[in-house]
Amino acid sequence: MKTIVFIFCSLLCFNLFAQNNEIQIKQLVKELYNNISFNENKAFEDSLLRTKFVDDAIMIQSNGKKSQNFKLDDYINSMQNAQQTGAIKSFEEIGFITKVEVHGTIAHAFGSYETLILTEKDEHIKNIGINSFSLVKEADGWKVYALSWIDQGENYTLPDQYHLR
């Protein structure tokens, strides 16, 4: 009987630990979406990005025949420049569905998103797509080491399971 109780408790603790990691990662993804969003009343903020990404993190936009690779600093500078020059008046990225897999100290999260952009010419641009986050758990928590994304378009359609229902 003690063996059965021990196995049951071990499985329960393992399940709670895995759920806690998943919750932490989903919260991190949500914070990142909120952090990169900006408008006339809220500046683009890079401090969370710098603490939640590893130093040499890569970002990959895969929307055409050739992907575009960025270092985190390049992405931050581009977004800050777009806001400061007024090229983009507002940028909002909203996460919808995030699916997480955790294996020890590595994890992967796929998250669908919607991006709403208001340009300097008052053009409204709306995109939906998928972000792919690759993460590692360090002493101070989960960190992104690679982020790639693809917007829905001619070459890609967002799968049904990633749409809001």
N, C-alpha and C. Protein backbone atom coordinates (compact mmCIF):
# COMPACT_ATOMS: atom_id res chain seq x y z
N MET A 1 0.81 -1.20 0.00
CA MET A 1 0.00 0.00 0.00
C MET A 1 0.86 1.26 0.00
N LYS A 2 1.96 1.25 0.79
CA LYS A 2 2.85 2.42 0.83
C LYS A 2 3.44 2.69 -0.54
N THR A 3 3.74 1.66 -1.29
CA THR A 3 4.30 1.81 -2.63
C THR A 3 3.31 2.49 -3.56
N ILE A 4 2.06 2.10 -3.48
CA ILE A 4 1.02 2.70 -4.33
C ILE A 4 0.84 4.17 -3.99
N VAL A 5 0.82 4.48 -2.69
CA VAL A 5 0.68 5.87 -2.25
C VAL A 5 1.89 6.68 -2.73
N PHE A 6 3.08 6.12 -2.60
CA PHE A 6 4.29 6.81 -3.04
C PHE A 6 4.25 7.09 -4.55
N ILE A 7 3.87 6.10 -5.34
CA ILE A 7 3.78 6.28 -6.80
C ILE A 7 2.73 7.33 -7.14
N PHE A 8 1.59 7.26 -6.49
CA PHE A 8 0.52 8.24 -6.73
C PHE A 8 1.00 9.65 -6.41
N CYS A 9 1.64 9.83 -5.26
CA CYS A 9 2.14 11.15 -4.86
C CYS A 9 3.23 11.64 -5.80
N SER A 10 4.10 10.74 -6.24
CA SER A 10 5.17 11.12 -7.18
C SER A 10 4.58 11.59 -8.50
N LEU A 11 3.59 10.86 -9.01
CA LEU A 11 2.96 11.25 -10.27
C LEU A 11 2.23 12.58 -10.12
N LEU A 12 1.57 12.78 -9.01
CA LEU A 12 0.85 14.03 -8.76
C LEU A 12 1.83 15.20 -8.70
N CYS A 13 2.93 15.04 -7.98
CA CYS A 13 3.93 16.11 -7.88
C CYS A 13 4.54 16.40 -9.25
N PHE A 14 4.85 15.37 -10.03
CA PHE A 14 5.42 15.56 -11.36
C PHE A 14 4.45 16.33 -12.25
N ASN A 15 3.16 15.96 -12.19
CA ASN A 15 2.14 16.62 -12.99
C ASN A 15 2.00 18.09 -12.60
N LEU A 16 2.02 18.38 -11.30
CA LEU A 16 1.94 19.77 -10.84
C LEU A 16 3.15 20.57 -11.27
N PHE A 17 4.34 19.95 -11.23
CA PHE A 17 5.57 20.61 -11.66
C PHE A 17 5.49 20.95 -13.15
N ALA A 18 5.02 19.99 -13.96
CA ALA A 18 4.90 20.22 -15.40
C ALA A 18 3.88 21.31 -15.69
N GLN A 19 2.75 21.30 -14.98
CA GLN A 19 1.73 22.33 -15.18
C GLN A 19 2.27 23.70 -14.78
N ASN A 20 3.06 23.77 -13.72
CA ASN A 20 3.63 25.03 -13.28
C ASN A 20 4.56 25.60 -14.35
N ASN A 21 5.39 24.75 -14.96
CA ASN A 21 6.26 25.20 -16.05
C ASN A 21 5.44 25.72 -17.22
N GLU A 22 4.38 25.01 -17.57
CA GLU A 22 3.53 25.43 -18.67
C GLU A 22 2.88 26.79 -18.36
N ILE A 23 2.42 26.96 -17.14
CA ILE A 23 1.82 28.23 -16.74
C ILE A 23 2.85 29.35 -16.82
N GLN A 24 4.07 29.09 -16.35
CA GLN A 24 5.14 30.11 -16.40
C GLN A 24 5.44 30.50 -17.84
N ILE A 25 5.49 29.53 -18.72
CA ILE A 25 5.82 29.82 -20.12
C ILE A 25 4.68 30.60 -20.78
N LYS A 26 3.46 30.19 -20.54
CA LYS A 26 2.32 30.93 -21.12
C LYS A 26 2.28 32.37 -20.60
N GLN A 27 2.61 32.57 -19.33
CA GLN A 27 2.66 33.92 -18.77
C GLN A 27 3.78 34.73 -19.42
N LEU A 28 4.92 34.11 -19.64
CA LEU A 28 6.04 34.77 -20.30
C LEU A 28 5.64 35.21 -21.71
N VAL A 29 5.00 34.33 -22.47
CA VAL A 29 4.56 34.66 -23.83
C VAL A 29 3.58 35.84 -23.78
N LYS A 30 2.64 35.80 -22.86
CA LYS A 30 1.67 36.89 -22.72
C LYS A 30 2.38 38.21 -22.41
N GLU A 31 3.33 38.18 -21.50
CA GLU A 31 4.09 39.39 -21.15
C GLU A 31 4.85 39.93 -22.35
N LEU A 32 5.42 39.04 -23.15
CA LEU A 32 6.15 39.49 -24.33
C LEU A 32 5.23 40.17 -25.33
N TYR A 33 4.05 39.61 -25.56
CA TYR A 33 3.08 40.26 -26.46
C TYR A 33 2.74 41.66 -25.94
N ASN A 34 2.46 41.77 -24.66
CA ASN A 34 2.13 43.07 -24.08
C ASN A 34 3.29 44.04 -24.18
N ASN A 35 4.50 43.53 -23.99
CA ASN A 35 5.68 44.37 -23.95
C ASN A 35 6.04 44.98 -25.29
N ILE A 36 5.84 44.25 -26.38
CA ILE A 36 6.24 44.78 -27.69
C ILE A 36 5.18 45.70 -28.28
N SER A 37 4.00 45.73 -27.67
CA SER A 37 2.94 46.59 -28.18
C SER A 37 3.19 48.03 -27.75
N PHE A 38 2.87 48.97 -28.65
CA PHE A 38 3.03 50.39 -28.31
C PHE A 38 2.00 51.22 -29.06
N ASN A 39 1.81 52.44 -28.59
CA ASN A 39 0.93 53.41 -29.25
C ASN A 39 1.38 54.81 -28.85
N GLU A 40 0.57 55.82 -29.14
CA GLU A 40 0.95 57.20 -28.84
C GLU A 40 1.13 57.44 -27.35
N ASN A 41 0.47 56.66 -26.51
CA ASN A 41 0.53 56.84 -25.06
C ASN A 41 1.46 55.87 -24.35
N LYS A 42 1.97 54.89 -25.07
CA LYS A 42 2.83 53.86 -24.47
C LYS A 42 4.01 53.60 -25.40
N ALA A 43 5.20 53.84 -24.89
CA ALA A 43 6.41 53.64 -25.69
C ALA A 43 6.74 52.15 -25.80
N PHE A 44 7.43 51.81 -26.88
CA PHE A 44 7.96 50.45 -27.02
C PHE A 44 8.95 50.26 -25.88
N GLU A 45 8.81 49.17 -25.16
CA GLU A 45 9.64 48.92 -23.98
C GLU A 45 10.50 47.69 -24.21
N ASP A 46 11.81 47.87 -24.07
CA ASP A 46 12.71 46.76 -24.36
C ASP A 46 13.24 46.04 -23.12
N SER A 47 12.97 46.56 -21.92
CA SER A 47 13.59 45.98 -20.72
C SER A 47 13.17 44.52 -20.49
N LEU A 48 11.90 44.20 -20.66
CA LEU A 48 11.47 42.81 -20.47
C LEU A 48 12.09 41.91 -21.53
N LEU A 49 12.14 42.39 -22.76
CA LEU A 49 12.75 41.58 -23.82
C LEU A 49 14.19 41.23 -23.45
N ARG A 50 14.90 42.21 -22.94
CA ARG A 50 16.32 41.97 -22.60
C ARG A 50 16.49 41.00 -21.44
N THR A 51 15.50 40.90 -20.55
CA THR A 51 15.62 39.97 -19.43
C THR A 51 15.03 38.60 -19.73
N LYS A 52 14.16 38.50 -20.72
CA LYS A 52 13.48 37.23 -21.01
C LYS A 52 14.04 36.51 -22.23
N PHE A 53 15.04 37.07 -22.87
CA PHE A 53 15.74 36.41 -23.97
C PHE A 53 17.18 36.17 -23.54
N VAL A 54 17.78 35.08 -23.99
CA VAL A 54 19.21 34.87 -23.76
C VAL A 54 19.98 35.90 -24.58
N ASP A 55 21.22 36.16 -24.22
CA ASP A 55 22.00 37.22 -24.86
C ASP A 55 22.10 37.10 -26.37
N ASP A 56 22.30 35.91 -26.87
CA ASP A 56 22.49 35.72 -28.31
C ASP A 56 21.25 35.17 -29.01
N ALA A 57 20.09 35.50 -28.48
CA ALA A 57 18.83 34.99 -29.05
C ALA A 57 18.70 35.42 -30.51
N ILE A 58 18.05 34.56 -31.28
CA ILE A 58 17.79 34.90 -32.68
C ILE A 58 16.28 35.00 -32.90
N MET A 59 15.93 35.83 -33.86
CA MET A 59 14.54 36.01 -34.25
C MET A 59 14.48 35.84 -35.75
N ILE A 60 13.51 35.07 -36.21
CA ILE A 60 13.43 34.75 -37.63
C ILE A 60 12.02 35.01 -38.14
N GLN A 61 11.92 35.89 -39.13
CA GLN A 61 10.64 36.12 -39.80
C GLN A 61 10.65 35.28 -41.07
N SER A 62 9.69 34.38 -41.19
CA SER A 62 9.66 33.45 -42.32
C SER A 62 8.39 33.67 -43.13
N ASN A 63 8.35 34.77 -43.88
CA ASN A 63 7.15 35.09 -44.65
C ASN A 63 7.34 35.04 -46.15
N GLY A 64 8.52 34.80 -46.59
CA GLY A 64 8.75 34.79 -48.03
C GLY A 64 9.59 33.59 -48.43
N LYS A 65 10.24 33.73 -49.54
CA LYS A 65 11.09 32.65 -50.02
C LYS A 65 12.39 32.56 -49.22
N LYS A 66 12.79 33.68 -48.64
CA LYS A 66 14.00 33.71 -47.83
C LYS A 66 13.66 34.34 -46.48
N SER A 67 14.01 33.64 -45.41
CA SER A 67 13.70 34.17 -44.08
C SER A 67 14.61 35.34 -43.75
N GLN A 68 14.13 36.19 -42.85
CA GLN A 68 14.92 37.31 -42.36
C GLN A 68 15.32 37.00 -40.93
N ASN A 69 16.61 37.05 -40.65
CA ASN A 69 17.12 36.75 -39.32
C ASN A 69 17.51 38.05 -38.62
N PHE A 70 17.18 38.13 -37.34
CA PHE A 70 17.49 39.30 -36.53
C PHE A 70 18.17 38.85 -35.25
N LYS A 71 19.03 39.68 -34.75
CA LYS A 71 19.47 39.56 -33.35
C LYS A 71 18.48 40.38 -32.54
N LEU A 72 18.38 40.13 -31.28
CA LEU A 72 17.42 40.84 -30.44
C LEU A 72 17.62 42.35 -30.52
N ASP A 73 18.86 42.81 -30.46
CA ASP A 73 19.12 44.26 -30.53
C ASP A 73 18.63 44.86 -31.85
N ASP A 74 18.78 44.13 -32.95
CA ASP A 74 18.30 44.63 -34.25
C ASP A 74 16.79 44.80 -34.23
N TYR A 75 16.09 43.83 -33.67
CA TYR A 75 14.64 43.90 -33.58
C TYR A 75 14.21 45.09 -32.70
N ILE A 76 14.83 45.22 -31.55
CA ILE A 76 14.51 46.32 -30.64
C ILE A 76 14.76 47.66 -31.31
N ASN A 77 15.92 47.82 -31.95
CA ASN A 77 16.24 49.09 -32.62
C ASN A 77 15.24 49.39 -33.73
N SER A 78 14.84 48.38 -34.47
CA SER A 78 13.88 48.56 -35.55
C SER A 78 12.52 49.04 -35.02
N MET A 79 12.04 48.41 -33.96
CA MET A 79 10.75 48.79 -33.39
C MET A 79 10.82 50.18 -32.76
N GLN A 80 11.90 50.48 -32.04
CA GLN A 80 12.03 51.81 -31.44
C GLN A 80 12.11 52.88 -32.52
N ASN A 81 12.84 52.61 -33.58
CA ASN A 81 12.97 53.56 -34.68
C ASN A 81 11.63 53.78 -35.37
N ALA A 82 10.88 52.71 -35.59
CA ALA A 82 9.57 52.84 -36.24
C ALA A 82 8.64 53.72 -35.42
N GLN A 83 8.69 53.58 -34.09
CA GLN A 83 7.83 54.42 -33.25
C GLN A 83 8.36 55.85 -33.20
N GLN A 84 9.65 56.03 -33.01
CA GLN A 84 10.23 57.37 -32.86
C GLN A 84 10.08 58.21 -34.12
N THR A 85 10.18 57.59 -35.28
CA THR A 85 10.06 58.34 -36.54
C THR A 85 8.60 58.52 -36.95
N GLY A 86 7.70 57.79 -36.29
CA GLY A 86 6.28 57.88 -36.63
C GLY A 86 5.89 56.97 -37.78
N ALA A 87 6.82 56.16 -38.29
CA ALA A 87 6.49 55.24 -39.37
C ALA A 87 5.37 54.29 -38.95
N ILE A 88 5.38 53.92 -37.68
CA ILE A 88 4.30 53.13 -37.10
C ILE A 88 3.77 53.91 -35.90
N LYS A 89 2.48 54.28 -35.96
CA LYS A 89 1.86 55.01 -34.85
C LYS A 89 1.48 54.08 -33.71
N SER A 90 1.01 52.90 -34.07
CA SER A 90 0.69 51.92 -33.03
C SER A 90 0.93 50.52 -33.56
N PHE A 91 1.30 49.67 -32.65
CA PHE A 91 1.60 48.27 -32.94
C PHE A 91 1.07 47.47 -31.76
N GLU A 92 0.14 46.58 -32.03
CA GLU A 92 -0.40 45.75 -30.97
C GLU A 92 -0.38 44.30 -31.42
N GLU A 93 0.21 43.46 -30.58
CA GLU A 93 0.21 42.03 -30.87
C GLU A 93 -0.52 41.33 -29.73
N ILE A 94 -1.53 40.56 -30.11
CA ILE A 94 -2.39 39.88 -29.15
C ILE A 94 -2.22 38.38 -29.34
N GLY A 95 -1.89 37.69 -28.28
CA GLY A 95 -1.77 36.24 -28.34
C GLY A 95 -3.12 35.58 -28.16
N PHE A 96 -3.37 34.50 -28.89
CA PHE A 96 -4.63 33.78 -28.78
C PHE A 96 -4.42 32.43 -28.10
N ILE A 97 -3.93 31.49 -28.84
CA ILE A 97 -3.79 30.12 -28.34
C ILE A 97 -2.32 29.78 -28.29
N THR A 98 -1.85 29.33 -27.13
CA THR A 98 -0.45 28.94 -26.98
C THR A 98 -0.42 27.50 -26.50
N LYS A 99 0.30 26.67 -27.24
CA LYS A 99 0.48 25.26 -26.87
C LYS A 99 1.94 25.06 -26.48
N VAL A 100 2.15 24.43 -25.33
CA VAL A 100 3.49 24.31 -24.74
C VAL A 100 3.84 22.85 -24.54
N GLU A 101 5.09 22.52 -24.82
CA GLU A 101 5.66 21.22 -24.46
C GLU A 101 6.94 21.48 -23.67
N VAL A 102 7.05 20.82 -22.53
CA VAL A 102 8.22 20.97 -21.66
C VAL A 102 8.90 19.63 -21.52
N HIS A 103 10.21 19.62 -21.68
CA HIS A 103 11.02 18.42 -21.49
C HIS A 103 12.23 18.81 -20.64
N GLY A 104 12.10 18.66 -19.33
CA GLY A 104 13.18 19.04 -18.43
C GLY A 104 13.39 20.55 -18.46
N THR A 105 14.57 20.96 -18.91
CA THR A 105 14.90 22.39 -18.92
C THR A 105 14.82 23.00 -20.32
N ILE A 106 14.17 22.30 -21.24
CA ILE A 106 13.91 22.88 -22.56
C ILE A 106 12.41 22.84 -22.81
N ALA A 107 11.95 23.79 -23.61
CA ALA A 107 10.52 23.85 -23.90
C ALA A 107 10.31 24.49 -25.25
N HIS A 108 9.12 24.26 -25.76
CA HIS A 108 8.73 24.86 -27.04
C HIS A 108 7.28 25.32 -26.91
N ALA A 109 7.00 26.51 -27.41
CA ALA A 109 5.63 27.02 -27.39
C ALA A 109 5.27 27.52 -28.78
N PHE A 110 4.13 27.07 -29.28
CA PHE A 110 3.55 27.62 -30.50
C PHE A 110 2.39 28.50 -30.08
N GLY A 111 2.37 29.71 -30.58
CA GLY A 111 1.29 30.62 -30.22
C GLY A 111 0.75 31.37 -31.41
N SER A 112 -0.57 31.36 -31.55
CA SER A 112 -1.18 32.15 -32.61
C SER A 112 -1.33 33.59 -32.13
N TYR A 113 -1.30 34.51 -33.06
CA TYR A 113 -1.36 35.93 -32.71
C TYR A 113 -2.12 36.70 -33.78
N GLU A 114 -2.50 37.89 -33.38
CA GLU A 114 -3.04 38.88 -34.30
C GLU A 114 -2.23 40.16 -34.08
N THR A 115 -1.78 40.76 -35.16
CA THR A 115 -1.05 42.02 -35.09
C THR A 115 -1.89 43.10 -35.75
N LEU A 116 -2.03 44.21 -35.03
CA LEU A 116 -2.75 45.38 -35.54
C LEU A 116 -1.77 46.54 -35.61
N ILE A 117 -1.60 47.10 -36.80
CA ILE A 117 -0.63 48.17 -37.01
C ILE A 117 -1.34 49.38 -37.60
N LEU A 118 -1.01 50.56 -37.08
CA LEU A 118 -1.48 51.82 -37.65
C LEU A 118 -0.24 52.55 -38.14
N THR A 119 -0.16 52.79 -39.45
CA THR A 119 1.03 53.40 -40.05
C THR A 119 0.94 54.92 -40.00
N GLU A 120 2.03 55.57 -40.39
CA GLU A 120 2.08 57.03 -40.42
C GLU A 120 1.06 57.62 -41.40
N LYS A 121 0.63 56.83 -42.37
CA LYS A 121 -0.37 57.27 -43.35
C LYS A 121 -1.78 56.86 -42.94
N ASP A 122 -1.93 56.50 -41.66
CA ASP A 122 -3.21 56.06 -41.10
C ASP A 122 -3.78 54.83 -41.79
N GLU A 123 -2.89 53.98 -42.31
CA GLU A 123 -3.30 52.69 -42.87
C GLU A 123 -3.38 51.68 -41.73
N HIS A 124 -4.44 50.91 -41.75
CA HIS A 124 -4.61 49.86 -40.75
C HIS A 124 -4.20 48.54 -41.38
N ILE A 125 -3.25 47.87 -40.75
CA ILE A 125 -2.76 46.58 -41.24
C ILE A 125 -3.06 45.54 -40.16
N LYS A 126 -3.63 44.43 -40.58
CA LYS A 126 -3.95 43.34 -39.65
C LYS A 126 -3.34 42.05 -40.19
N ASN A 127 -2.60 41.38 -39.35
CA ASN A 127 -2.01 40.09 -39.68
C ASN A 127 -2.38 39.09 -38.60
N ILE A 128 -2.49 37.83 -38.98
CA ILE A 128 -2.55 36.75 -38.01
C ILE A 128 -1.46 35.76 -38.40
N GLY A 129 -1.01 35.00 -37.44
CA GLY A 129 0.03 34.03 -37.74
C GLY A 129 0.41 33.20 -36.53
N ILE A 130 1.57 32.59 -36.62
CA ILE A 130 2.08 31.70 -35.57
C ILE A 130 3.48 32.17 -35.15
N ASN A 131 3.69 32.21 -33.84
CA ASN A 131 5.02 32.40 -33.26
C ASN A 131 5.48 31.05 -32.74
N SER A 132 6.76 30.79 -32.92
CA SER A 132 7.37 29.58 -32.39
C SER A 132 8.48 30.00 -31.43
N PHE A 133 8.28 29.73 -30.14
CA PHE A 133 9.24 30.10 -29.11
C PHE A 133 10.02 28.85 -28.69
N SER A 134 11.34 28.92 -28.72
CA SER A 134 12.19 27.87 -28.16
C SER A 134 12.79 28.44 -26.89
N LEU A 135 12.66 27.69 -25.79
CA LEU A 135 13.03 28.21 -24.48
C LEU A 135 13.95 27.26 -23.73
N VAL A 136 14.71 27.85 -22.82
CA VAL A 136 15.54 27.09 -21.89
C VAL A 136 15.27 27.62 -20.48
N LYS A 137 15.35 26.72 -19.50
CA LYS A 137 15.15 27.14 -18.12
C LYS A 137 16.52 27.36 -17.49
N GLU A 138 16.73 28.59 -17.04
CA GLU A 138 17.97 28.95 -16.37
C GLU A 138 17.68 29.19 -14.90
N ALA A 139 18.69 29.53 -14.13
CA ALA A 139 18.51 29.73 -12.69
C ALA A 139 17.45 30.77 -12.38
N ASP A 140 17.32 31.78 -13.22
CA ASP A 140 16.35 32.86 -12.97
C ASP A 140 15.05 32.69 -13.76
N GLY A 141 14.81 31.51 -14.31
CA GLY A 141 13.54 31.24 -14.97
C GLY A 141 13.69 30.91 -16.45
N TRP A 142 12.54 30.84 -17.12
CA TRP A 142 12.49 30.49 -18.53
C TRP A 142 12.94 31.67 -19.39
N LYS A 143 13.77 31.36 -20.42
CA LYS A 143 14.25 32.38 -21.34
C LYS A 143 14.11 31.88 -22.78
N VAL A 144 13.83 32.82 -23.67
CA VAL A 144 13.69 32.51 -25.09
C VAL A 144 15.08 32.55 -25.72
N TYR A 145 15.43 31.50 -26.45
CA TYR A 145 16.68 31.53 -27.20
C TYR A 145 16.45 31.62 -28.70
N ALA A 146 15.22 31.36 -29.14
CA ALA A 146 14.89 31.54 -30.56
C ALA A 146 13.40 31.82 -30.67
N LEU A 147 13.08 32.77 -31.52
CA LEU A 147 11.69 33.10 -31.81
C LEU A 147 11.56 33.23 -33.31
N SER A 148 10.65 32.46 -33.88
CA SER A 148 10.39 32.59 -35.31
C SER A 148 8.89 32.80 -35.49
N TRP A 149 8.53 33.44 -36.59
CA TRP A 149 7.11 33.69 -36.84
C TRP A 149 6.82 33.71 -38.33
N ILE A 150 5.56 33.44 -38.62
CA ILE A 150 5.07 33.49 -39.99
C ILE A 150 3.66 34.07 -39.96
N ASP A 151 3.43 35.05 -40.80
CA ASP A 151 2.10 35.63 -40.94
C ASP A 151 1.31 34.82 -41.95
N GLN A 152 0.00 34.73 -41.71
CA GLN A 152 -0.86 34.09 -42.70
C GLN A 152 -0.79 34.89 -44.00
N GLY A 153 -0.74 34.19 -45.10
CA GLY A 153 -0.67 34.86 -46.39
C GLY A 153 -0.82 33.86 -47.52
N GLU A 154 -0.30 34.25 -48.65
CA GLU A 154 -0.41 33.43 -49.86
C GLU A 154 0.19 32.03 -49.68
N ASN A 155 1.29 31.95 -48.93
CA ASN A 155 2.00 30.68 -48.78
C ASN A 155 1.70 29.94 -47.48
N TYR A 156 0.84 30.52 -46.63
CA TYR A 156 0.60 29.91 -45.33
C TYR A 156 -0.79 30.27 -44.83
N THR A 157 -1.53 29.28 -44.35
CA THR A 157 -2.83 29.49 -43.74
C THR A 157 -2.78 28.98 -42.31
N LEU A 158 -3.23 29.80 -41.39
CA LEU A 158 -3.24 29.42 -39.98
C LEU A 158 -4.12 28.19 -39.77
N PRO A 159 -3.58 27.14 -39.14
CA PRO A 159 -4.39 25.94 -38.90
C PRO A 159 -5.60 26.23 -38.01
N ASP A 160 -6.67 25.50 -38.22
CA ASP A 160 -7.92 25.70 -37.47
C ASP A 160 -7.71 25.66 -35.96
N GLN A 161 -6.86 24.77 -35.48
CA GLN A 161 -6.70 24.62 -34.02
C GLN A 161 -6.06 25.84 -33.37
N TYR A 162 -5.55 26.77 -34.15
CA TYR A 162 -4.94 27.99 -33.60
C TYR A 162 -5.84 29.21 -33.73
N HIS A 163 -7.04 29.05 -34.30
CA HIS A 163 -8.00 30.14 -34.36
C HIS A 163 -8.80 30.18 -33.08
N LEU A 164 -9.23 31.37 -32.70
CA LEU A 164 -10.17 31.47 -31.58
C LEU A 164 -11.49 30.89 -32.02
N ARG A 165 -12.14 30.20 -31.17
CA ARG A 165 -13.44 29.62 -31.52
C ARG A 165 -14.54 30.35 -30.82
